[in-house]
N, C-alpha and C. Protein backbone atom coordinates (compact mmCIF):
# COMPACT_ATOMS: atom_id res chain seq x y z
N MET A 1 12.28 38.15 25.11
CA MET A 1 12.55 36.73 25.08
C MET A 1 12.32 36.13 26.46
N LYS A 2 11.88 34.90 26.47
CA LYS A 2 11.71 34.19 27.73
C LYS A 2 13.08 33.78 28.27
N GLN A 3 13.21 33.78 29.55
CA GLN A 3 14.46 33.42 30.20
C GLN A 3 14.52 31.90 30.44
N ALA A 4 15.69 31.34 30.38
CA ALA A 4 16.01 29.95 30.74
C ALA A 4 15.34 28.90 29.85
N ILE A 5 14.97 29.24 28.62
CA ILE A 5 14.44 28.22 27.70
C ILE A 5 15.34 28.01 26.50
N HIS A 6 16.32 28.89 26.31
CA HIS A 6 17.21 28.80 25.16
C HIS A 6 18.45 27.98 25.49
N PRO A 7 18.98 27.21 24.53
CA PRO A 7 20.18 26.42 24.79
C PRO A 7 21.40 27.34 24.93
N THR A 8 22.44 26.81 25.51
CA THR A 8 23.68 27.57 25.69
C THR A 8 24.37 27.72 24.36
N TYR A 9 24.77 28.95 24.03
CA TYR A 9 25.44 29.23 22.76
C TYR A 9 26.94 29.31 23.02
N HIS A 10 27.70 28.47 22.32
CA HIS A 10 29.16 28.44 22.46
C HIS A 10 29.76 29.20 21.29
N THR A 11 30.50 30.25 21.58
CA THR A 11 31.13 31.04 20.51
C THR A 11 32.39 30.38 19.98
N ASP A 12 32.92 29.41 20.71
CA ASP A 12 34.15 28.74 20.29
C ASP A 12 33.93 27.25 19.99
N ALA A 13 32.83 26.92 19.35
CA ALA A 13 32.53 25.53 19.01
C ALA A 13 33.54 25.03 17.99
N LYS A 14 33.97 23.80 18.16
CA LYS A 14 35.00 23.21 17.30
C LYS A 14 34.34 22.33 16.25
N VAL A 15 34.67 22.57 14.98
CA VAL A 15 34.16 21.75 13.87
C VAL A 15 35.31 20.88 13.38
N VAL A 16 35.11 19.55 13.36
CA VAL A 16 36.13 18.61 12.94
C VAL A 16 35.63 17.87 11.71
N CYS A 17 36.40 17.92 10.63
CA CYS A 17 36.04 17.25 9.38
C CYS A 17 36.70 15.88 9.33
N ALA A 18 36.18 15.00 8.48
CA ALA A 18 36.75 13.67 8.30
C ALA A 18 38.15 13.73 7.69
N CYS A 19 38.44 14.80 6.96
CA CYS A 19 39.77 14.95 6.36
C CYS A 19 40.81 15.43 7.37
N GLY A 20 40.37 15.86 8.57
CA GLY A 20 41.29 16.30 9.59
C GLY A 20 41.31 17.80 9.79
N HIS A 21 40.68 18.53 8.92
CA HIS A 21 40.63 19.99 9.02
C HIS A 21 39.72 20.40 10.17
N THR A 22 40.17 21.35 11.00
CA THR A 22 39.36 21.84 12.10
C THR A 22 39.27 23.35 12.04
N PHE A 23 38.15 23.89 12.50
CA PHE A 23 37.99 25.33 12.61
C PHE A 23 36.95 25.62 13.68
N ALA A 24 36.91 26.87 14.11
CA ALA A 24 36.00 27.27 15.18
C ALA A 24 34.85 28.08 14.61
N THR A 25 33.68 27.90 15.21
CA THR A 25 32.49 28.64 14.81
C THR A 25 31.58 28.77 16.02
N GLY A 26 30.47 29.41 15.87
CA GLY A 26 29.50 29.52 16.94
C GLY A 26 28.39 28.51 16.77
N SER A 27 28.00 27.85 17.87
CA SER A 27 26.96 26.83 17.79
C SER A 27 26.43 26.54 19.19
N THR A 28 25.32 25.83 19.24
CA THR A 28 24.78 25.38 20.53
C THR A 28 25.45 24.08 20.96
N MET A 29 26.19 23.44 20.06
CA MET A 29 26.94 22.23 20.40
C MET A 29 28.41 22.61 20.62
N LYS A 30 29.08 21.93 21.52
CA LYS A 30 30.47 22.24 21.81
C LYS A 30 31.40 21.74 20.71
N GLU A 31 31.09 20.56 20.13
CA GLU A 31 31.91 20.00 19.06
C GLU A 31 31.00 19.42 17.97
N ILE A 32 31.34 19.69 16.70
CA ILE A 32 30.55 19.22 15.56
C ILE A 32 31.48 18.40 14.67
N ARG A 33 31.05 17.20 14.29
CA ARG A 33 31.83 16.36 13.37
C ARG A 33 31.10 16.30 12.03
N VAL A 34 31.83 16.60 10.94
CA VAL A 34 31.25 16.61 9.60
C VAL A 34 32.07 15.70 8.69
N GLU A 35 31.46 15.28 7.57
CA GLU A 35 32.15 14.42 6.61
C GLU A 35 32.90 15.24 5.56
N ILE A 36 32.32 16.37 5.17
CA ILE A 36 32.92 17.20 4.12
C ILE A 36 32.95 18.65 4.59
N CYS A 37 34.06 19.31 4.35
CA CYS A 37 34.16 20.73 4.67
C CYS A 37 34.63 21.47 3.42
N SER A 38 34.81 22.78 3.53
CA SER A 38 35.24 23.57 2.38
C SER A 38 36.67 23.25 1.98
N ASN A 39 37.43 22.64 2.86
CA ASN A 39 38.81 22.28 2.56
C ASN A 39 38.90 21.05 1.64
N CYS A 40 37.95 20.12 1.76
CA CYS A 40 38.02 18.88 0.98
C CYS A 40 36.86 18.71 0.00
N HIS A 41 35.92 19.63 -0.06
CA HIS A 41 34.79 19.52 -1.00
C HIS A 41 35.28 19.75 -2.42
N PRO A 42 34.86 18.91 -3.39
CA PRO A 42 35.36 19.04 -4.77
C PRO A 42 35.07 20.40 -5.40
N PHE A 43 33.98 21.03 -5.04
CA PHE A 43 33.65 22.32 -5.64
C PHE A 43 34.67 23.39 -5.24
N TYR A 44 35.10 23.36 -3.99
CA TYR A 44 36.03 24.36 -3.49
C TYR A 44 37.49 23.99 -3.73
N SER A 45 37.81 22.70 -3.64
CA SER A 45 39.20 22.28 -3.77
C SER A 45 39.61 22.03 -5.22
N GLY A 46 38.65 21.72 -6.11
CA GLY A 46 38.97 21.44 -7.50
C GLY A 46 39.47 20.03 -7.72
N LYS A 47 39.46 19.20 -6.71
CA LYS A 47 39.91 17.82 -6.82
C LYS A 47 38.71 16.89 -6.74
N GLN A 48 38.70 15.85 -7.56
CA GLN A 48 37.62 14.87 -7.55
C GLN A 48 37.88 13.89 -6.42
N LYS A 49 36.90 13.72 -5.57
CA LYS A 49 37.03 12.80 -4.44
C LYS A 49 35.73 12.02 -4.31
N LEU A 50 35.82 10.71 -4.39
CA LEU A 50 34.65 9.87 -4.22
C LEU A 50 34.47 9.53 -2.76
N ILE A 51 33.30 9.80 -2.25
CA ILE A 51 32.99 9.43 -0.88
C ILE A 51 32.09 8.21 -0.96
N ASP A 52 32.66 7.07 -0.66
CA ASP A 52 31.96 5.80 -0.80
C ASP A 52 31.39 5.38 0.54
N THR A 53 30.09 5.35 0.62
CA THR A 53 29.43 4.92 1.85
C THR A 53 28.94 3.49 1.65
N ALA A 54 29.54 2.59 2.36
CA ALA A 54 29.17 1.17 2.37
C ALA A 54 29.29 0.52 0.99
N GLY A 55 30.28 0.91 0.19
CA GLY A 55 30.55 0.27 -1.09
C GLY A 55 29.52 0.54 -2.17
N ARG A 56 28.79 1.63 -2.08
CA ARG A 56 27.73 1.92 -3.05
C ARG A 56 28.28 2.22 -4.43
N VAL A 57 29.42 2.90 -4.50
CA VAL A 57 30.01 3.23 -5.80
C VAL A 57 30.45 1.97 -6.51
N ASP A 58 31.13 1.06 -5.80
CA ASP A 58 31.58 -0.19 -6.40
C ASP A 58 30.40 -1.04 -6.85
N ARG A 59 29.36 -1.10 -6.03
CA ARG A 59 28.17 -1.88 -6.39
C ARG A 59 27.50 -1.31 -7.63
N PHE A 60 27.45 0.03 -7.75
CA PHE A 60 26.86 0.66 -8.93
C PHE A 60 27.69 0.35 -10.17
N LYS A 61 29.02 0.41 -10.06
CA LYS A 61 29.89 0.11 -11.21
C LYS A 61 29.72 -1.32 -11.68
N LYS A 62 29.60 -2.27 -10.73
CA LYS A 62 29.39 -3.68 -11.09
C LYS A 62 28.07 -3.87 -11.82
N GLN A 63 27.03 -3.23 -11.32
CA GLN A 63 25.72 -3.35 -11.96
C GLN A 63 25.72 -2.75 -13.36
N SER A 64 26.39 -1.62 -13.54
CA SER A 64 26.41 -0.99 -14.86
C SER A 64 27.23 -1.83 -15.85
N GLU A 65 28.33 -2.45 -15.39
CA GLU A 65 29.10 -3.33 -16.27
C GLU A 65 28.29 -4.56 -16.67
N LYS A 66 27.57 -5.14 -15.71
CA LYS A 66 26.76 -6.32 -15.99
C LYS A 66 25.66 -6.00 -16.99
N SER A 67 25.01 -4.84 -16.83
CA SER A 67 23.94 -4.48 -17.76
C SER A 67 24.50 -4.18 -19.15
N ALA A 68 25.71 -3.62 -19.23
CA ALA A 68 26.33 -3.36 -20.53
C ALA A 68 26.65 -4.68 -21.24
N GLN A 69 27.09 -5.68 -20.49
CA GLN A 69 27.38 -6.99 -21.09
C GLN A 69 26.10 -7.66 -21.58
N ILE A 70 25.05 -7.56 -20.82
CA ILE A 70 23.77 -8.16 -21.22
C ILE A 70 23.24 -7.49 -22.47
N LYS A 71 23.34 -6.17 -22.54
CA LYS A 71 22.87 -5.45 -23.72
C LYS A 71 23.70 -5.79 -24.95
N ALA A 72 24.99 -6.04 -24.77
CA ALA A 72 25.86 -6.36 -25.90
C ALA A 72 25.57 -7.74 -26.45
N THR A 73 25.19 -8.68 -25.58
CA THR A 73 24.95 -10.04 -26.04
C THR A 73 23.49 -10.30 -26.42
N ALA A 74 22.60 -9.42 -26.07
CA ALA A 74 21.18 -9.62 -26.35
C ALA A 74 20.88 -9.44 -27.83
N LYS A 75 19.88 -10.18 -28.30
CA LYS A 75 19.46 -10.05 -29.69
C LYS A 75 18.62 -8.80 -29.83
N PRO A 76 18.76 -8.12 -30.95
CA PRO A 76 17.92 -6.94 -31.14
C PRO A 76 16.46 -7.34 -31.33
N LYS A 77 15.59 -6.58 -30.78
CA LYS A 77 14.17 -6.87 -30.89
C LYS A 77 13.66 -6.48 -32.27
N LYS A 78 12.74 -7.28 -32.76
CA LYS A 78 12.12 -6.97 -34.04
C LYS A 78 11.07 -5.90 -33.84
N GLU A 79 11.00 -5.04 -34.80
CA GLU A 79 9.98 -3.99 -34.71
C GLU A 79 8.63 -4.58 -35.10
N ARG A 80 7.66 -4.26 -34.32
CA ARG A 80 6.31 -4.72 -34.62
C ARG A 80 5.64 -3.72 -35.53
N VAL A 81 4.93 -4.25 -36.48
CA VAL A 81 4.16 -3.41 -37.38
C VAL A 81 2.77 -3.30 -36.78
N LYS A 82 2.37 -2.10 -36.49
CA LYS A 82 1.06 -1.91 -35.89
C LYS A 82 0.01 -1.97 -36.98
N LYS A 83 -0.98 -2.76 -36.73
CA LYS A 83 -2.07 -2.90 -37.69
C LYS A 83 -3.28 -2.18 -37.13
N PHE A 84 -3.76 -1.26 -37.90
CA PHE A 84 -4.93 -0.51 -37.48
C PHE A 84 -6.15 -1.05 -38.21
N LYS A 85 -7.20 -1.19 -37.51
CA LYS A 85 -8.44 -1.64 -38.10
C LYS A 85 -9.10 -0.43 -38.76
N VAL A 86 -9.36 -0.56 -40.03
CA VAL A 86 -9.95 0.54 -40.78
C VAL A 86 -11.46 0.45 -40.68
N ASP A 87 -12.05 1.52 -40.26
CA ASP A 87 -13.50 1.57 -40.15
C ASP A 87 -14.04 2.11 -41.47
N GLU A 88 -14.63 1.24 -42.26
CA GLU A 88 -15.09 1.64 -43.58
C GLU A 88 -16.50 2.19 -43.57
N THR A 89 -17.13 2.25 -42.44
CA THR A 89 -18.50 2.77 -42.40
C THR A 89 -18.51 4.29 -42.47
N ILE A 90 -17.42 4.94 -42.12
CA ILE A 90 -17.40 6.40 -42.14
C ILE A 90 -16.59 6.87 -43.34
N LYS A 91 -17.25 7.51 -44.24
CA LYS A 91 -16.61 8.09 -45.41
C LYS A 91 -17.16 9.49 -45.59
N ILE A 92 -16.35 10.36 -46.06
CA ILE A 92 -16.78 11.74 -46.25
C ILE A 92 -17.77 11.82 -47.41
N GLY A 93 -18.88 12.47 -47.14
CA GLY A 93 -19.87 12.68 -48.19
C GLY A 93 -20.82 11.51 -48.39
N GLU A 94 -20.65 10.43 -47.70
CA GLU A 94 -21.54 9.29 -47.84
C GLU A 94 -22.25 9.02 -46.54
N LYS A 95 -23.40 8.45 -46.64
CA LYS A 95 -24.15 8.09 -45.45
C LYS A 95 -23.77 6.69 -45.03
N THR A 96 -23.72 6.46 -43.75
CA THR A 96 -23.42 5.13 -43.25
C THR A 96 -24.69 4.30 -43.24
N LYS A 97 -24.55 3.03 -42.99
CA LYS A 97 -25.70 2.14 -42.97
C LYS A 97 -26.67 2.53 -41.85
N ALA A 98 -26.15 3.02 -40.74
CA ALA A 98 -27.00 3.39 -39.62
C ALA A 98 -27.81 4.65 -39.94
N GLU A 99 -27.27 5.57 -40.73
CA GLU A 99 -27.97 6.83 -41.05
C GLU A 99 -29.02 6.61 -42.14
N ALA A 100 -28.81 5.65 -42.99
CA ALA A 100 -29.71 5.45 -44.14
C ALA A 100 -31.02 4.86 -43.78
């Protein structure tokens, strides 16, 4: 390995979670701040926790309620009957005008 090109490795780096849980680990940074750790993550804790960044969850709920109201009050669309143009020049066993 080349000398003096690698960052300093701290064996006692402190990890601080948004929930307040702290623990030590090894890292090139002296202190690491995280939003979710194993103490507060729903998969590990078994508790449902919504992490709302800038009101996105509330905005999504408002939009879904508004769209549900619009769908409830909207008139059902009529089904269109597709009309296919029948080509009568091609029949099995008969010659067309172009072939004759």
